[in-house]
């Protein structure tokens, strides 16, 4: 079983059932002993009553029992409630319930009239004669078992009800105990979304070491990212000057290669800055000002190429994040569109199901369907066409903001890049 809740409930339920079964067995033994003792006391009292009422007639030399036991059960034929008095040779007296049967001259018979009996014997002598007599009193074994069953049945039902109540209480206790794990998980979600800088300190002491270890892991991860970012930035800056020198020395036919290398450096610098910038999930940024700034920056190049740029953002929800992040994503895609469009670029912002949707479409050559996923895959940054630079930057930043980037064919031909981002208030 792969659930802590399930394991705890199963273990608690099993232990509860085992404990109650053991309790039922122990209580049953105690009750059986109690019933045996009570019945033995009843048989003993009857036997001693017989002994007290026994005497010999000195004139006739006959045995006499006066008065006999008055319990009506000894009057019912074949009831199993029997008594008799014997001297080892002859049965001197018997209960009417025995009819013509007897319990043996020694009083040790375990059955009579086909009934299993519980037998109690007492030895005594009666006034008027010194011979040794045996008073035997019995009751039906089935009646004793029925009495014990009548006691055990409500006991078993009570224990079943108790088991259900205890298991229900344990379920509630397990749910309450594990609720702190839910609070802890929600705290980690806030950490992931950028709403907290450290792991929230749990109330339960068992979770405190885990929280401390996670904090140490996060701190080590931040340090590692910072070092990697610094090294990437240092490397990129170190290469910019040699590339500029090479660009001045090489021929015109090799300048395209230098340009490609410069684009790769710009991409790594951008990724280095983005890797060290956390996502602020509490930030809220209006979309229209960001799009207006992008149009202002890219407008000259679009007009130089004779492109028409249309921006529609009426009714679009605010972005849940920094305006700088939104500008970085849209600008990378819009710059790509300006580079490849033939006549027109459209930027559309709208809301849908609590998300902010941004579509940047151009009427350029587009990207073959088989290449779209490859360009957005991990590790693919730039291809020979040059599409990969802006797409990779936008895709990586969208993912870090809790969104996604998809590519499709524009309705009139070309490429449409669709950003789906979290909207403020969602």
Protein backbone atom coordinates (compact mmCIF):
# COMPACT_ATOMS: atom_id res chain seq x y z
CA UNK A 1 0.00 0.00 0.00
CA UNK A 2 1.46 3.37 -1.08
CA UNK A 3 -0.63 5.62 1.20
CA UNK A 4 0.42 6.68 4.70
CA UNK A 5 -3.23 7.31 5.53
CA UNK A 6 -4.19 3.87 4.27
CA UNK A 7 -1.38 2.15 6.17
CA UNK A 8 -2.23 3.90 9.42
CA UNK A 9 -5.91 3.13 9.11
CA UNK A 10 -5.26 -0.49 8.17
CA UNK A 11 -2.82 -0.99 11.05
CA UNK A 12 -5.09 0.75 13.55
CA UNK A 13 -8.13 -1.21 12.39
CA UNK A 14 -6.30 -4.54 12.49
CA UNK A 15 -4.87 -3.90 15.97
CA UNK A 16 -8.27 -2.79 17.22
CA UNK A 17 -9.95 -5.92 15.90
CA UNK A 18 -7.23 -8.16 17.36
CA UNK A 19 -7.47 -6.43 20.75
CA UNK A 20 -11.25 -6.75 20.84
CA UNK A 21 -11.12 -10.42 19.79
CA UNK A 22 -8.66 -11.07 22.61
CA UNK A 23 -10.91 -9.15 25.00
CA UNK A 24 -13.92 -11.19 23.86
CA UNK A 25 -12.03 -14.44 24.44
CA UNK A 26 -10.92 -13.35 27.91
CA UNK A 27 -14.36 -12.11 28.88
CA UNK A 28 -15.94 -15.30 27.54
CA UNK A 29 -13.67 -17.38 29.75
CA UNK A 30 -14.56 -15.25 32.77
CA UNK A 31 -18.27 -15.51 31.98
CA UNK A 32 -18.03 -19.27 31.46
CA UNK A 33 -16.33 -19.57 34.83
CA UNK A 34 -19.00 -17.37 36.41
CA UNK A 35 -21.83 -19.47 34.92
CA UNK A 36 -20.14 -22.70 36.04
CA UNK A 37 -19.71 -21.38 39.55
CA UNK A 38 -23.30 -20.17 39.76
CA UNK A 39 -24.69 -23.48 38.54
CA UNK A 40 -22.37 -25.41 40.86
CA UNK A 41 -23.59 -23.29 43.76
CA UNK A 42 -27.17 -24.09 42.79
CA UNK A 43 -26.48 -27.83 42.57
CA UNK A 44 -24.56 -27.76 45.86
CA UNK A 45 -27.41 -26.00 47.63
CA UNK A 46 -29.87 -28.62 46.34
CA UNK A 47 -27.58 -31.49 47.37
CA UNK A 48 -27.18 -30.10 50.87
CA UNK A 49 -30.90 -29.64 51.17
CA UNK A 50 -31.30 -33.33 50.30
CA UNK A 51 -28.67 -34.25 52.89
CA UNK A 52 -30.44 -32.19 55.57
CA UNK A 53 -33.80 -33.82 54.79
CA UNK A 54 -32.48 -37.41 54.76
CA UNK A 55 -33.03 -39.87 57.61
CA UNK A 56 -33.51 -43.57 58.37
CA UNK A 57 -36.67 -44.95 59.95
CA UNK A 58 -35.25 -46.90 62.92
CA UNK A 59 -38.39 -49.03 63.31
CA UNK A 60 -38.72 -50.06 59.68
CA UNK A 61 -35.05 -49.58 58.66
CA UNK A 62 -36.08 -47.70 55.51
CA UNK A 63 -34.65 -44.51 54.02
CA UNK A 64 -36.82 -41.39 54.03
CA UNK A 65 -36.40 -37.91 52.47
CA UNK A 66 -38.73 -35.34 54.00
CA UNK A 67 -39.28 -32.91 52.47
CA UNK A 68 -37.85 -33.50 48.96
CA UNK A 69 -36.49 -30.54 46.89
CA UNK A 70 -39.37 -28.24 45.98
CA UNK A 71 -37.87 -26.93 42.69
CA UNK A 72 -40.45 -27.67 39.97
CA UNK A 73 -37.71 -28.49 37.50
CA UNK A 74 -37.09 -31.72 39.42
CA UNK A 75 -40.76 -32.59 38.84
CA UNK A 76 -40.67 -32.26 35.02
CA UNK A 77 -40.05 -35.70 33.42
CA UNK A 78 -36.76 -36.00 31.52
CA UNK A 79 -35.89 -32.35 32.17
CA UNK A 80 -32.25 -33.11 32.93
CA UNK A 81 -32.73 -31.64 36.38
CA UNK A 82 -32.36 -34.86 38.41
CA UNK A 83 -31.45 -35.87 41.94
CA UNK A 84 -31.03 -39.19 43.65
CA UNK A 85 -29.68 -40.77 46.85
CA UNK A 86 -27.82 -44.11 46.70
CA UNK A 87 -25.77 -46.21 49.10
CA UNK A 88 -23.44 -47.77 46.51
CA UNK A 89 -25.68 -50.82 46.11
CA UNK A 90 -29.18 -49.49 45.78
CA UNK A 91 -30.85 -46.23 44.68
CA UNK A 92 -32.74 -45.19 47.81
CA UNK A 93 -34.58 -42.13 46.43
CA UNK A 94 -34.84 -40.24 43.14
CA UNK A 95 -36.52 -37.18 41.64
CA UNK A 96 -39.82 -37.58 39.76
CA UNK A 97 -38.04 -36.16 36.67
CA UNK A 98 -35.88 -39.32 36.51
CA UNK A 99 -38.98 -41.50 36.31
CA UNK A 100 -37.74 -45.12 36.31
CA UNK A 101 -34.15 -44.27 35.31
CA UNK A 102 -31.29 -43.66 37.69
CA UNK A 103 -27.83 -42.12 37.78
CA UNK A 104 -26.09 -45.33 38.81
CA UNK A 105 -25.65 -46.72 42.32
CA UNK A 106 -22.48 -44.65 42.60
CA UNK A 107 -24.20 -41.52 41.19
CA UNK A 108 -21.60 -40.96 38.44
CA UNK A 109 -23.76 -41.33 35.33
CA UNK A 110 -23.08 -38.53 32.81
CA UNK A 111 -26.21 -39.19 30.77
CA UNK A 112 -29.86 -40.03 31.43
CA UNK A 113 -32.79 -40.15 29.07
CA UNK A 114 -30.35 -39.30 26.21
CA UNK A 115 -29.30 -36.00 27.82
CA UNK A 116 -25.74 -34.94 28.60
CA UNK A 117 -25.58 -33.91 32.24
CA UNK A 118 -23.51 -31.76 34.54
CA UNK A 119 -23.16 -33.85 37.72
CA UNK A 120 -22.47 -32.83 41.32
CA UNK A 121 -22.07 -35.38 44.14
CA UNK A 122 -21.97 -35.02 47.92
CA UNK A 123 -21.18 -37.85 50.39
CA UNK A 124 -22.87 -38.01 53.75
CA UNK A 125 -24.49 -40.22 56.44
CA UNK A 126 -28.09 -39.89 57.53
CA UNK A 127 -29.36 -40.13 61.12
CA UNK A 128 -30.41 -43.66 62.14
CA UNK A 129 -27.80 -45.50 60.06
CA UNK A 130 -24.05 -45.08 59.65
CA UNK A 131 -23.77 -46.26 56.07
CA UNK A 132 -22.16 -43.93 53.50
CA UNK A 133 -24.66 -42.31 51.15
CA UNK A 134 -24.21 -40.35 47.92
CA UNK A 135 -26.45 -37.41 47.00
CA UNK A 136 -26.27 -36.71 43.26
CA UNK A 137 -27.79 -33.61 41.62
CA UNK A 138 -27.62 -32.86 37.86
CA UNK A 139 -28.67 -30.29 35.34
CA UNK A 140 -28.72 -30.52 31.49
CA UNK A 141 -25.44 -29.48 29.85
CA UNK A 142 -27.39 -27.93 26.97
CA UNK A 143 -29.09 -25.53 29.37
CA UNK A 144 -25.75 -24.41 30.76
CA UNK A 145 -24.42 -23.86 27.22
CA UNK A 146 -27.57 -21.94 26.26
CA UNK A 147 -27.22 -19.68 29.29
CA UNK A 148 -23.59 -18.97 28.41
CA UNK A 149 -24.54 -18.26 24.79
CA UNK A 150 -27.26 -15.88 25.92
CA UNK A 151 -24.62 -13.92 27.82
CA UNK A 152 -21.97 -14.04 25.08
CA UNK A 153 -24.25 -12.86 22.26
CA UNK A 154 -24.91 -9.33 23.61
CA UNK A 155 -21.26 -9.16 24.64
CA UNK A 156 -20.16 -9.91 21.09
CA UNK A 157 -22.61 -7.35 19.68
CA UNK A 158 -21.36 -4.74 22.12
CA UNK A 159 -17.76 -5.41 21.12
CA UNK A 160 -18.66 -5.11 17.43
CA UNK A 161 -20.28 -1.72 18.07
CA UNK A 162 -17.24 -0.73 20.11
CA UNK A 163 -14.93 -1.84 17.28
CA UNK A 164 -16.85 0.28 14.75
CA UNK A 165 -16.76 3.27 17.08
CA UNK A 166 -13.03 2.86 17.78
CA UNK A 167 -12.15 2.45 14.10
CA UNK A 168 -14.23 5.53 13.25
CA UNK A 169 -12.44 7.46 15.99
CA UNK A 170 -9.09 6.27 14.65
CA UNK A 171 -10.02 7.38 11.14
CA UNK A 172 -10.83 10.84 12.49
CA UNK A 173 -7.59 10.84 14.49
CA UNK A 174 -5.52 9.79 11.46
CA UNK A 175 -7.18 12.46 9.31
CA UNK A 176 -6.51 15.09 11.97
CA UNK A 177 -2.93 13.91 12.43
CA UNK A 178 -2.19 13.98 8.71
CA UNK A 179 -3.85 17.36 8.20
CA UNK A 180 -0.51 18.95 9.11
CA UNK A 181 1.01 17.18 6.11
CA UNK A 182 -1.61 18.90 3.96
CA UNK A 183 -0.74 22.28 5.50
CA UNK A 184 2.94 21.50 4.92
CA UNK A 185 2.28 20.59 1.28
CA UNK A 186 0.34 23.83 0.76
CA UNK A 187 3.24 25.72 2.26
CA UNK A 188 5.58 24.08 -0.23
CA UNK A 189 3.18 25.07 -3.02
CA UNK A 190 3.42 28.68 -1.89
CA UNK A 191 7.19 28.32 -1.93
CA UNK A 192 7.06 26.91 -5.46
CA UNK A 193 4.80 29.77 -6.62
CA UNK A 194 7.19 32.35 -5.22
CA UNK A 195 4.91 33.46 -2.35
CA UNK A 196 7.48 32.40 0.26
CA UNK A 197 11.26 32.31 0.38
CA UNK A 198 11.66 29.47 2.86
CA UNK A 199 9.81 26.32 3.83
CA UNK A 200 7.08 27.21 6.36
CA UNK A 201 7.91 26.03 9.87
CA UNK A 202 5.50 23.16 10.67
CA UNK A 203 3.69 22.92 14.00
CA UNK A 204 4.39 19.22 14.39
CA UNK A 205 7.87 18.49 15.72
CA UNK A 206 8.17 15.40 13.51
CA UNK A 207 8.10 17.63 10.41
CA UNK A 208 10.61 20.20 11.71
CA UNK A 209 13.71 18.19 10.64
CA UNK A 210 12.21 17.70 7.18
CA UNK A 211 11.54 21.42 6.83
CA UNK A 212 15.10 22.21 7.93
CA UNK A 213 16.57 19.77 5.40
CA UNK A 214 14.43 21.26 2.62
CA UNK A 215 15.59 24.76 3.54
CA UNK A 216 19.21 23.62 3.36
CA UNK A 217 18.53 21.98 0.00
CA UNK A 218 16.90 25.15 -1.36
CA UNK A 219 19.77 27.28 -0.14
CA UNK A 220 22.30 24.97 -1.78
CA UNK A 221 20.24 25.05 -4.99
CA UNK A 222 20.15 28.86 -4.95
CA UNK A 223 23.90 28.99 -4.47
CA UNK A 224 24.44 26.56 -7.33
CA UNK A 225 22.17 28.55 -9.63
CA UNK A 226 23.92 31.78 -8.67
CA UNK A 227 27.33 30.28 -9.43
CA UNK A 228 26.14 28.86 -12.76
CA UNK A 229 24.55 32.19 -13.69
CA UNK A 230 27.69 34.10 -12.83
CA UNK A 231 29.90 31.72 -14.76
CA UNK A 232 27.62 31.84 -17.83
CA UNK A 233 27.49 35.63 -17.70
CA UNK A 234 31.25 35.90 -17.24
CA UNK A 235 31.85 33.57 -20.17
CA UNK A 236 29.45 35.42 -22.42
CA UNK A 237 30.92 38.81 -21.55
CA UNK A 238 34.43 37.46 -21.99
CA UNK A 239 33.58 36.33 -25.52
CA UNK A 240 31.84 39.53 -26.64
CA UNK A 241 35.02 41.55 -27.07
CA UNK A 242 36.93 38.88 -29.06
CA UNK A 243 33.90 38.45 -31.31
CA UNK A 244 33.74 42.19 -31.94
CA UNK A 245 37.41 42.16 -32.90
CA UNK A 246 36.88 39.19 -35.20
CA UNK A 247 33.89 40.92 -36.82
CA UNK A 248 36.14 43.81 -37.81
CA UNK A 249 38.85 41.55 -39.22
CA UNK A 250 36.96 38.89 -41.21
CA UNK A 251 35.41 39.23 -44.57
CA UNK A 252 31.78 39.98 -45.35
CA UNK A 253 31.07 36.34 -46.19
CA UNK A 254 31.87 35.28 -42.57
CA UNK A 255 29.90 37.99 -40.80
CA UNK A 256 26.77 35.77 -40.71
CA UNK A 257 28.67 33.27 -38.59
CA UNK A 258 29.75 36.00 -36.17
CA UNK A 259 26.13 37.22 -36.01
CA UNK A 260 24.94 33.74 -35.16
CA UNK A 261 27.51 33.47 -32.37
CA UNK A 262 26.41 36.86 -31.00
CA UNK A 263 22.78 35.68 -30.93
CA UNK A 264 23.81 32.59 -28.99
CA UNK A 265 25.67 34.78 -26.48
CA UNK A 266 22.64 37.08 -26.10
CA UNK A 267 20.48 34.02 -25.47
CA UNK A 268 22.79 32.69 -22.76
CA UNK A 269 22.96 36.10 -21.09
CA UNK A 270 19.18 36.28 -21.11
CA UNK A 271 18.87 32.78 -19.65
CA UNK A 272 21.47 33.58 -16.99
CA UNK A 273 19.48 36.64 -15.89
CA UNK A 274 16.19 34.71 -15.94
CA UNK A 275 17.58 31.75 -13.96
CA UNK A 276 18.48 33.96 -11.04
CA UNK A 277 15.22 35.96 -11.05
CA UNK A 278 12.49 34.27 -8.97
CA UNK A 279 8.87 34.39 -10.06
CA UNK A 280 6.79 36.73 -7.88
CA UNK A 281 3.37 35.07 -7.73
CA UNK A 282 1.90 38.05 -5.85
CA UNK A 283 2.75 40.55 -8.62
CA UNK A 284 0.07 41.91 -10.96
CA UNK A 285 0.85 43.51 -14.31
CA UNK A 286 -1.42 45.15 -16.86
CA UNK A 287 -1.02 43.79 -20.37
CA UNK A 288 -1.73 46.87 -22.51
CA UNK A 289 1.24 48.99 -21.31
CA UNK A 290 3.61 46.08 -21.93
CA UNK A 291 2.31 45.60 -25.48
CA UNK A 292 2.50 49.35 -26.15
CA UNK A 293 6.16 49.39 -25.08
CA UNK A 294 6.94 46.44 -27.35
CA UNK A 295 5.23 48.16 -30.28
CA UNK A 296 7.27 51.27 -29.58
CA UNK A 297 10.55 49.31 -29.61
CA UNK A 298 9.80 47.10 -32.64
CA UNK A 299 7.83 49.71 -34.58
CA UNK A 300 10.84 51.22 -36.42
CA UNK A 301 12.06 47.84 -37.69
CA UNK A 302 8.51 46.88 -38.71
CA UNK A 303 8.05 50.13 -40.65
CA UNK A 304 11.47 49.72 -42.23
CA UNK A 305 10.37 46.32 -43.56
CA UNK A 306 6.96 47.68 -44.57
CA UNK A 307 5.04 45.55 -42.04
CA UNK A 308 1.67 46.34 -40.55
CA UNK A 309 1.48 45.72 -36.79
CA UNK A 310 -1.95 45.26 -35.12
CA UNK A 311 -2.36 44.97 -31.34
CA UNK A 312 -5.64 44.02 -29.63
CA UNK A 313 -5.79 43.78 -25.84
CA UNK A 314 -9.22 45.11 -24.89
CA UNK A 315 -10.72 43.20 -21.97
CA UNK A 316 -7.57 41.12 -21.37
CA UNK A 317 -6.96 40.23 -17.70
CA UNK A 318 -3.83 41.32 -15.89
CA UNK A 319 -0.85 38.99 -15.83
CA UNK A 320 -0.03 37.29 -12.50
CA UNK A 321 3.65 38.14 -12.49
CA UNK A 322 6.18 40.86 -13.24
CA UNK A 323 5.78 43.10 -16.23
CA UNK A 324 9.46 42.45 -17.04
CA UNK A 325 8.76 38.73 -17.42
CA UNK A 326 5.74 39.36 -19.63
CA UNK A 327 7.70 41.84 -21.77
CA UNK A 328 10.58 39.38 -22.14
CA UNK A 329 8.30 36.61 -23.45
CA UNK A 330 6.18 38.71 -25.79
CA UNK A 331 9.15 40.72 -27.08
CA UNK A 332 11.09 37.56 -27.95
CA UNK A 333 8.12 36.21 -29.94
CA UNK A 334 7.27 39.56 -31.52
CA UNK A 335 10.89 40.12 -32.57
CA UNK A 336 10.84 36.71 -34.20
CA UNK A 337 7.58 37.60 -35.98
CA UNK A 338 8.98 40.94 -37.24
CA UNK A 339 11.98 39.12 -38.63
CA UNK A 340 9.96 36.58 -40.64
CA UNK A 341 6.67 38.33 -41.50
CA UNK A 342 5.97 39.32 -45.10
CA UNK A 343 3.22 41.92 -44.64
CA UNK A 344 1.48 41.79 -41.27
CA UNK A 345 1.93 41.00 -37.57
CA UNK A 346 -0.95 40.58 -35.12
CA UNK A 347 -0.71 40.53 -31.32
CA UNK A 348 -3.92 39.51 -29.53
CA UNK A 349 -4.44 39.38 -25.75
CA UNK A 350 -7.57 37.89 -24.14
CA UNK A 351 -8.76 35.94 -21.13
CA UNK A 352 -10.04 32.35 -21.02
CA UNK A 353 -10.89 30.14 -18.01
CA UNK A 354 -8.81 32.14 -15.55
CA UNK A 355 -5.81 32.29 -17.89
CA UNK A 356 -4.21 35.05 -19.94
CA UNK A 357 -3.90 34.11 -23.62
CA UNK A 358 -1.45 35.98 -25.87
CA UNK A 359 -1.21 35.14 -29.57
CA UNK A 360 1.56 36.54 -31.78
CA UNK A 361 0.91 35.73 -35.45
CA UNK A 362 2.82 36.54 -38.63
CA UNK A 363 2.29 35.76 -42.31
CA UNK A 364 5.83 34.53 -42.89
CA UNK A 365 7.01 31.11 -44.11
CA UNK A 366 6.02 29.45 -40.82
CA UNK A 367 7.59 26.35 -39.30
CA UNK A 368 6.86 22.81 -40.51
CA UNK A 369 4.70 20.85 -38.00
CA UNK A 370 7.48 18.33 -37.39
CA UNK A 371 9.90 21.09 -36.39
CA UNK A 372 7.61 22.96 -33.94
CA UNK A 373 7.89 20.55 -31.03
CA UNK A 374 11.59 20.07 -31.68
CA UNK A 375 12.22 23.80 -31.37
CA UNK A 376 10.51 23.88 -27.99
CA UNK A 377 12.15 20.68 -26.70
CA UNK A 378 14.70 20.76 -23.91
CA UNK A 379 18.20 21.40 -25.22
CA UNK A 380 17.18 22.80 -28.64
CA UNK A 381 17.97 26.47 -28.62
CA UNK A 382 18.73 27.64 -32.14
CA UNK A 383 18.49 26.15 -35.61
CA UNK A 384 19.88 27.30 -38.91
CA UNK A 385 16.79 29.36 -39.68
CA UNK A 386 17.19 31.49 -36.58
CA UNK A 387 13.69 30.75 -35.21
CA UNK A 388 14.96 29.01 -32.11
CA UNK A 389 16.35 32.02 -30.22
CA UNK A 390 13.11 33.90 -29.46
CA UNK A 391 11.05 30.74 -29.16
CA UNK A 392 13.41 29.13 -26.63
CA UNK A 393 13.57 32.27 -24.47
CA UNK A 394 9.77 32.62 -24.42
CA UNK A 395 9.16 28.91 -23.80
CA UNK A 396 11.58 28.72 -20.86
CA UNK A 397 10.25 31.86 -19.18
CA UNK A 398 6.61 30.84 -19.73
CA UNK A 399 7.26 27.53 -18.01
CA UNK A 400 8.92 29.23 -15.04
CA UNK A 401 5.88 31.54 -14.72
CA UNK A 402 3.46 28.62 -14.64
CA UNK A 403 2.39 28.86 -18.26
CA UNK A 404 3.16 27.31 -21.63
CA UNK A 405 4.02 28.14 -25.24
CA UNK A 406 2.56 26.33 -28.23
CA UNK A 407 3.16 26.84 -31.95
CA UNK A 408 0.61 26.44 -34.73
CA UNK A 409 -0.04 27.55 -38.29
CA UNK A 410 -1.67 30.96 -38.60
CA UNK A 411 -5.10 31.06 -40.33
CA UNK A 412 -3.72 32.89 -43.36
CA UNK A 413 -0.43 31.03 -43.37
CA UNK A 414 2.67 31.71 -41.33
CA UNK A 415 3.19 31.06 -37.62
CA UNK A 416 1.10 31.81 -34.54
CA UNK A 417 2.80 31.52 -31.15
CA UNK A 418 0.28 31.06 -28.32
CA UNK A 419 1.27 31.94 -24.76
CA UNK A 420 -1.01 30.66 -22.00
CA UNK A 421 -0.15 32.35 -18.69
CA UNK A 422 -1.73 32.64 -15.22
CA UNK A 423 -4.10 35.58 -14.94
CA UNK A 424 -4.14 37.77 -11.84
CA UNK A 425 -6.81 36.72 -9.37
CA UNK A 426 -6.98 33.13 -10.64
